């Protein structure tokens, strides 16, 4: 079992280039990769998405790639002297035309757009692509190690709540057969309090039978047991199981709601409240399972 929450960093360098990859994941219904690259690195997008998709099956993934040229002398300052003379000549003409002092100095002239530019060595796409794959592999390794550790914590927490839910189901199962008998006893006692003597036993049996049919929860308890057993199997499974567990927990909650609405008994009603609380705790944790 893996969590959808984690982070990882990888770095690879060679032939005067360095690539750093940072990954961060949070929960999401599907695989959603967020990768924004500058125009000169757009060639890395498709292979990066494919590589991440091979190792991460579900979750929102934020990807940060940084490419750096580490070769000495890889950058050089270039000047456009023709453009600089044109700026200077323009300043002189404006000064003569307006009578204002020409204060265009060397520093200001160098700051004019296009006069001084910083040029970098042309990118070696093949080398950078190889380094990007290596950096992503290292980052994905860290990411999945963290997601696996988080997944183990989720597994243990889910197991605790699932066993509590199973215990509550057993208590409801033990209480259910006594509900009808208690109702019959209360009904007969109420009739005696009202001074109704010689009530028709057949009519009493009919009323009890109606209640027994209305509050029968055997089928719901059987399905709930089946869901609990299936959830236990999922807890021991590997791979992408979060969606299956999410569906199963919805079914468990549905059975709990039905039991609560059908069972006309205060004790069972309280057990159902506790059961739904455990199911909700599991649902919250399952939102983070891949």
Protein backbone atom coordinates (compact mmCIF):
# COMPACT_ATOMS: atom_id res chain seq x y z
CA UNK A 1 0.00 0.00 0.00
CA UNK A 2 1.26 3.45 -0.91
CA UNK A 3 0.21 6.89 0.18
CA UNK A 4 -0.34 9.60 -2.42
CA UNK A 5 1.63 12.09 -0.30
CA UNK A 6 5.38 12.41 -0.68
CA UNK A 7 8.33 14.28 -2.13
CA UNK A 8 11.66 13.48 -3.71
CA UNK A 9 14.74 15.16 -5.17
CA UNK A 10 17.23 13.93 -7.75
CA UNK A 11 20.34 15.40 -9.36
CA UNK A 12 22.49 14.35 -12.31
CA UNK A 13 25.51 16.09 -13.88
CA UNK A 14 27.87 15.51 -16.78
CA UNK A 15 29.46 17.09 -19.87
CA UNK A 16 29.12 20.57 -18.44
CA UNK A 17 25.41 20.28 -17.60
CA UNK A 18 23.50 19.73 -14.36
CA UNK A 19 19.82 18.76 -14.00
CA UNK A 20 17.88 18.86 -10.73
CA UNK A 21 14.40 17.32 -10.40
CA UNK A 22 12.06 17.99 -7.47
CA UNK A 23 8.77 16.09 -7.13
CA UNK A 24 5.89 16.66 -4.74
CA UNK A 25 2.67 14.64 -4.66
CA UNK A 26 -0.67 15.03 -2.90
CA UNK A 27 -3.94 13.11 -3.18
CA UNK A 28 -6.07 13.28 -6.32
CA UNK A 29 -8.74 11.08 -7.88
CA UNK A 30 -6.55 10.41 -10.92
CA UNK A 31 -2.96 10.92 -12.06
CA UNK A 32 -2.49 14.65 -12.61
CA UNK A 33 1.03 15.82 -13.53
CA UNK A 34 1.74 19.54 -13.28
CA UNK A 35 4.89 20.35 -15.28
CA UNK A 36 5.66 23.85 -16.57
CA UNK A 37 8.86 24.39 -18.50
CA UNK A 38 10.47 27.40 -20.22
CA UNK A 39 10.45 27.32 -24.00
CA UNK A 40 14.05 26.13 -24.28
CA UNK A 41 13.27 23.03 -22.15
CA UNK A 42 9.98 22.03 -23.77
CA UNK A 43 11.66 18.97 -25.32
CA UNK A 44 11.85 17.45 -21.79
CA UNK A 45 8.09 17.52 -21.15
CA UNK A 46 6.89 14.36 -22.93
CA UNK A 47 9.64 12.00 -21.73
CA UNK A 48 9.33 13.40 -18.19
CA UNK A 49 5.57 12.77 -18.11
CA UNK A 50 6.03 9.25 -19.47
CA UNK A 51 8.68 8.39 -16.89
CA UNK A 52 6.61 9.72 -13.99
CA UNK A 53 3.53 7.88 -15.28
CA UNK A 54 5.43 4.58 -15.16
CA UNK A 55 6.15 4.94 -11.43
CA UNK A 56 3.19 6.95 -10.11
CA UNK A 57 -0.35 5.74 -10.83
CA UNK A 58 -2.51 8.19 -8.89
CA UNK A 59 -2.17 11.62 -7.30
CA UNK A 60 -1.40 15.22 -8.16
CA UNK A 61 2.31 15.49 -9.03
CA UNK A 62 4.12 18.81 -9.07
CA UNK A 63 7.35 18.63 -11.07
CA UNK A 64 10.18 21.18 -10.93
CA UNK A 65 13.10 20.79 -13.35
CA UNK A 66 16.17 23.00 -13.29
CA UNK A 67 18.89 22.83 -15.96
CA UNK A 68 22.22 24.55 -15.36
CA UNK A 69 25.26 24.96 -17.57
CA UNK A 70 28.27 24.31 -15.32
CA UNK A 71 31.04 24.59 -17.91
CA UNK A 72 33.52 27.40 -17.27
CA UNK A 73 33.15 30.14 -19.84
CA UNK A 74 29.77 28.86 -20.96
CA UNK A 75 28.40 32.41 -20.81
CA UNK A 76 29.80 35.42 -22.56
CA UNK A 77 28.92 39.10 -22.72
CA UNK A 78 28.09 40.36 -26.18
CA UNK A 79 27.81 44.03 -27.20
CA UNK A 80 26.06 45.66 -30.13
CA UNK A 81 28.31 48.64 -30.84
CA UNK A 82 26.23 49.78 -33.81
CA UNK A 83 23.13 49.96 -31.60
CA UNK A 84 25.08 51.77 -28.86
CA UNK A 85 26.25 54.45 -31.34
CA UNK A 86 22.68 54.81 -32.56
CA UNK A 87 21.43 55.41 -28.98
CA UNK A 88 24.22 57.96 -28.38
CA UNK A 89 23.47 59.78 -31.63
CA UNK A 90 19.77 59.88 -30.78
CA UNK A 91 20.55 61.38 -27.37
CA UNK A 92 22.76 64.05 -28.98
CA UNK A 93 20.07 65.06 -31.48
CA UNK A 94 17.41 65.28 -28.76
CA UNK A 95 19.75 67.46 -26.68
CA UNK A 96 20.35 69.84 -29.57
CA UNK A 97 16.66 70.00 -30.43
CA UNK A 98 15.45 70.69 -26.90
CA UNK A 99 18.37 72.56 -25.46
CA UNK A 100 18.57 70.12 -22.58
CA UNK A 101 21.95 68.86 -21.40
CA UNK A 102 22.92 65.47 -22.79
CA UNK A 103 23.44 63.38 -19.64
CA UNK A 104 23.55 59.97 -21.29
CA UNK A 105 26.56 58.31 -19.66
CA UNK A 106 28.26 55.00 -20.30
CA UNK A 107 26.39 53.15 -17.54
CA UNK A 108 23.02 54.32 -18.81
CA UNK A 109 24.01 53.45 -22.38
CA UNK A 110 24.95 49.88 -21.35
CA UNK A 111 21.53 49.44 -19.77
CA UNK A 112 19.75 50.27 -23.03
CA UNK A 113 17.88 47.29 -24.45
CA UNK A 114 20.01 45.19 -26.78
CA UNK A 115 23.30 46.99 -26.18
CA UNK A 116 24.69 44.36 -23.79
CA UNK A 117 23.41 40.77 -23.79
CA UNK A 118 24.44 37.60 -22.00
CA UNK A 119 24.74 34.66 -24.35
CA UNK A 120 24.90 31.02 -23.25
CA UNK A 121 26.34 28.02 -24.99
CA UNK A 122 23.82 26.20 -27.13
CA UNK A 123 22.05 23.48 -25.15
CA UNK A 124 23.06 19.89 -25.79
CA UNK A 125 19.56 18.36 -25.85
CA UNK A 126 20.76 14.75 -25.93
CA UNK A 127 22.96 15.19 -22.85
CA UNK A 128 20.31 17.18 -20.98
CA UNK A 129 17.62 14.58 -21.80
CA UNK A 130 19.81 11.77 -20.46
CA UNK A 131 20.60 13.71 -17.28
CA UNK A 132 16.93 14.60 -16.84
CA UNK A 133 16.00 10.89 -16.96
CA UNK A 134 18.65 10.09 -14.33
CA UNK A 135 17.56 12.95 -12.06
CA UNK A 136 13.90 11.95 -12.34
CA UNK A 137 14.74 8.31 -11.57
CA UNK A 138 16.51 9.35 -8.37
CA UNK A 139 13.67 11.71 -7.40
CA UNK A 140 11.06 9.02 -8.08
CA UNK A 141 12.99 6.58 -5.94
CA UNK A 142 12.93 8.96 -2.99
CA UNK A 143 9.30 9.82 -3.65
CA UNK A 144 8.09 6.22 -3.72
CA UNK A 145 10.15 5.29 -0.65
CA UNK A 146 8.39 8.05 1.26
CA UNK A 147 4.98 7.10 -0.17
CA UNK A 148 5.57 3.48 0.87
CA UNK A 149 6.47 4.49 4.44
CA UNK A 150 3.40 6.69 4.63
CA UNK A 151 1.36 3.83 3.18
CA UNK A 152 2.43 1.52 6.00
CA UNK A 153 1.22 4.05 8.56
CA UNK A 154 -2.09 4.30 6.70
CA UNK A 155 -2.39 0.51 6.65
CA UNK A 156 -1.94 0.20 10.40
CA UNK A 157 -4.37 3.03 11.13
CA UNK A 158 -6.98 1.58 8.78
CA UNK A 159 -6.59 -1.86 10.33
CA UNK A 160 -7.29 -0.45 13.81
CA UNK A 161 -10.48 1.30 12.69
CA UNK A 162 -11.60 -1.70 10.64
CA UNK A 163 -11.29 -4.04 13.63
CA UNK A 164 -13.31 -1.60 15.74
CA UNK A 165 -15.97 -1.57 13.02
CA UNK A 166 -15.99 -5.38 12.97
CA UNK A 167 -16.41 -5.46 16.76
CA UNK A 168 -19.34 -3.03 16.58
CA UNK A 169 -20.97 -5.18 13.90
CA UNK A 170 -20.69 -8.21 16.21
CA UNK A 171 -22.36 -6.28 19.02
CA UNK A 172 -25.19 -5.23 16.73
CA UNK A 173 -25.53 -8.84 15.53
CA UNK A 174 -25.77 -10.06 19.13
CA UNK A 175 -28.33 -7.43 20.05
CA UNK A 176 -30.58 -7.79 16.97
CA UNK A 177 -32.41 -11.02 18.00
CA UNK A 178 -33.50 -9.52 21.31
CA UNK A 179 -35.15 -6.45 19.75
CA UNK A 180 -38.37 -8.25 18.77
CA UNK A 181 -38.67 -10.04 22.13
CA UNK A 182 -38.17 -6.76 23.98
CA UNK A 183 -40.81 -5.11 21.82
CA UNK A 184 -43.33 -7.89 22.60
CA UNK A 185 -42.60 -7.56 26.30
CA UNK A 186 -43.04 -3.76 26.20
CA UNK A 187 -46.25 -4.09 24.18
CA UNK A 188 -47.81 -6.54 26.62
CA UNK A 189 -46.68 -4.41 29.57
CA UNK A 190 -48.20 -1.32 28.01
CA UNK A 191 -51.51 -3.08 27.45
CA UNK A 192 -51.60 -4.14 31.09
CA UNK A 193 -50.89 -0.56 32.21
CA UNK A 194 -53.80 0.61 30.10
CA UNK A 195 -56.02 -2.01 31.72
CA UNK A 196 -56.51 -4.00 28.53
CA UNK A 197 -57.09 -7.55 29.67
CA UNK A 198 -57.50 -10.54 27.48
CA UNK A 199 -55.87 -8.98 24.45
CA UNK A 200 -56.06 -11.16 21.38
CA UNK A 201 -52.78 -13.13 21.28
CA UNK A 202 -53.07 -13.40 17.51
CA UNK A 203 -53.29 -9.61 17.16
CA UNK A 204 -50.26 -9.18 19.41
CA UNK A 205 -48.37 -11.75 17.35
CA UNK A 206 -49.34 -9.88 14.20
CA UNK A 207 -48.02 -6.57 15.55
CA UNK A 208 -44.79 -8.24 16.63
CA UNK A 209 -44.42 -9.87 13.22
CA UNK A 210 -44.85 -6.52 11.48
CA UNK A 211 -42.10 -5.00 13.62
CA UNK A 212 -39.85 -8.01 13.10
CA UNK A 213 -40.17 -7.65 9.34
CA UNK A 214 -39.61 -3.90 9.43
CA UNK A 215 -36.50 -4.01 11.61
CA UNK A 216 -34.88 -7.11 10.12
CA UNK A 217 -31.20 -6.30 9.50
CA UNK A 218 -29.79 -9.76 8.83
CA UNK A 219 -29.06 -9.02 5.17
CA UNK A 220 -27.37 -5.71 5.94
CA UNK A 221 -25.21 -7.30 8.63
CA UNK A 222 -24.22 -10.10 6.24
CA UNK A 223 -23.22 -7.62 3.54
CA UNK A 224 -21.35 -5.53 6.07
CA UNK A 225 -19.40 -8.61 7.15
CA UNK A 226 -18.54 -9.31 3.51
CA UNK A 227 -17.32 -5.72 3.05
CA UNK A 228 -15.15 -5.96 6.16
CA UNK A 229 -13.57 -9.20 4.92
CA UNK A 230 -12.91 -7.61 1.52
CA UNK A 231 -11.36 -4.55 3.16
CA UNK A 232 -9.02 -6.81 5.12
CA UNK A 233 -7.86 -8.35 1.84
CA UNK A 234 -7.28 -4.90 0.35
CA UNK A 235 -5.18 -3.94 3.36
CA UNK A 236 -2.77 -6.76 2.48
CA UNK A 237 -2.80 -6.03 -1.27
CA UNK A 238 -0.27 -3.98 -3.24
CA UNK A 239 -0.64 -1.69 -6.22
CA UNK A 240 -3.40 0.77 -7.04
CA UNK A 241 -6.15 -0.10 -4.56
CA UNK A 242 -7.31 3.33 -3.35
CA UNK A 243 -10.28 3.57 -5.73
CA UNK A 244 -11.48 0.08 -4.82
CA UNK A 245 -11.23 0.86 -1.11
CA UNK A 246 -13.04 4.15 -1.61
CA UNK A 247 -15.94 2.36 -3.31
CA UNK A 248 -16.04 -0.31 -0.59
CA UNK A 249 -16.11 2.23 2.23
CA UNK A 250 -19.11 3.90 0.58
CA UNK A 251 -20.89 0.54 0.57
CA UNK A 252 -20.07 0.03 4.25
CA UNK A 253 -21.48 3.44 5.07
CA UNK A 254 -24.63 2.64 3.10
CA UNK A 255 -25.20 -0.57 5.07
CA UNK A 256 -24.63 1.27 8.36
CA UNK A 257 -27.22 3.90 7.40
CA UNK A 258 -29.75 1.22 6.50
CA UNK A 259 -29.19 -0.64 9.78
CA UNK A 260 -29.66 2.60 11.70
CA UNK A 261 -32.91 3.43 9.92
CA UNK A 262 -34.42 -0.06 10.27
CA UNK A 263 -33.43 -1.14 13.77
CA UNK A 264 -35.93 0.32 16.25
CA UNK A 265 -33.61 0.02 19.21
CA UNK A 266 -31.68 2.62 21.20
CA UNK A 267 -28.67 0.35 21.83
CA UNK A 268 -28.33 -0.56 18.16
CA UNK A 269 -28.76 3.11 17.23
CA UNK A 270 -25.81 4.03 19.46
CA UNK A 271 -23.70 1.20 17.99
CA UNK A 272 -24.52 2.48 14.50
CA UNK A 273 -23.35 5.99 15.45
CA UNK A 274 -20.06 4.53 16.67
CA UNK A 275 -19.82 2.35 13.55
CA UNK A 276 -20.32 5.32 11.23
CA UNK A 277 -17.65 7.22 13.13
CA UNK A 278 -15.13 4.44 12.48
CA UNK A 279 -16.17 4.25 8.82
CA UNK A 280 -15.70 8.01 8.44
CA UNK A 281 -12.20 7.79 9.94
CA UNK A 282 -11.35 5.09 7.41
CA UNK A 283 -12.83 7.12 4.56
CA UNK A 284 -10.61 10.10 5.42
CA UNK A 285 -7.48 7.92 5.41
CA UNK A 286 -8.44 6.11 2.21
CA UNK A 287 -8.48 9.47 0.41
CA UNK A 288 -4.66 9.34 0.65
CA UNK A 289 -4.22 5.76 -0.59
CA UNK A 290 -2.91 5.37 -4.14
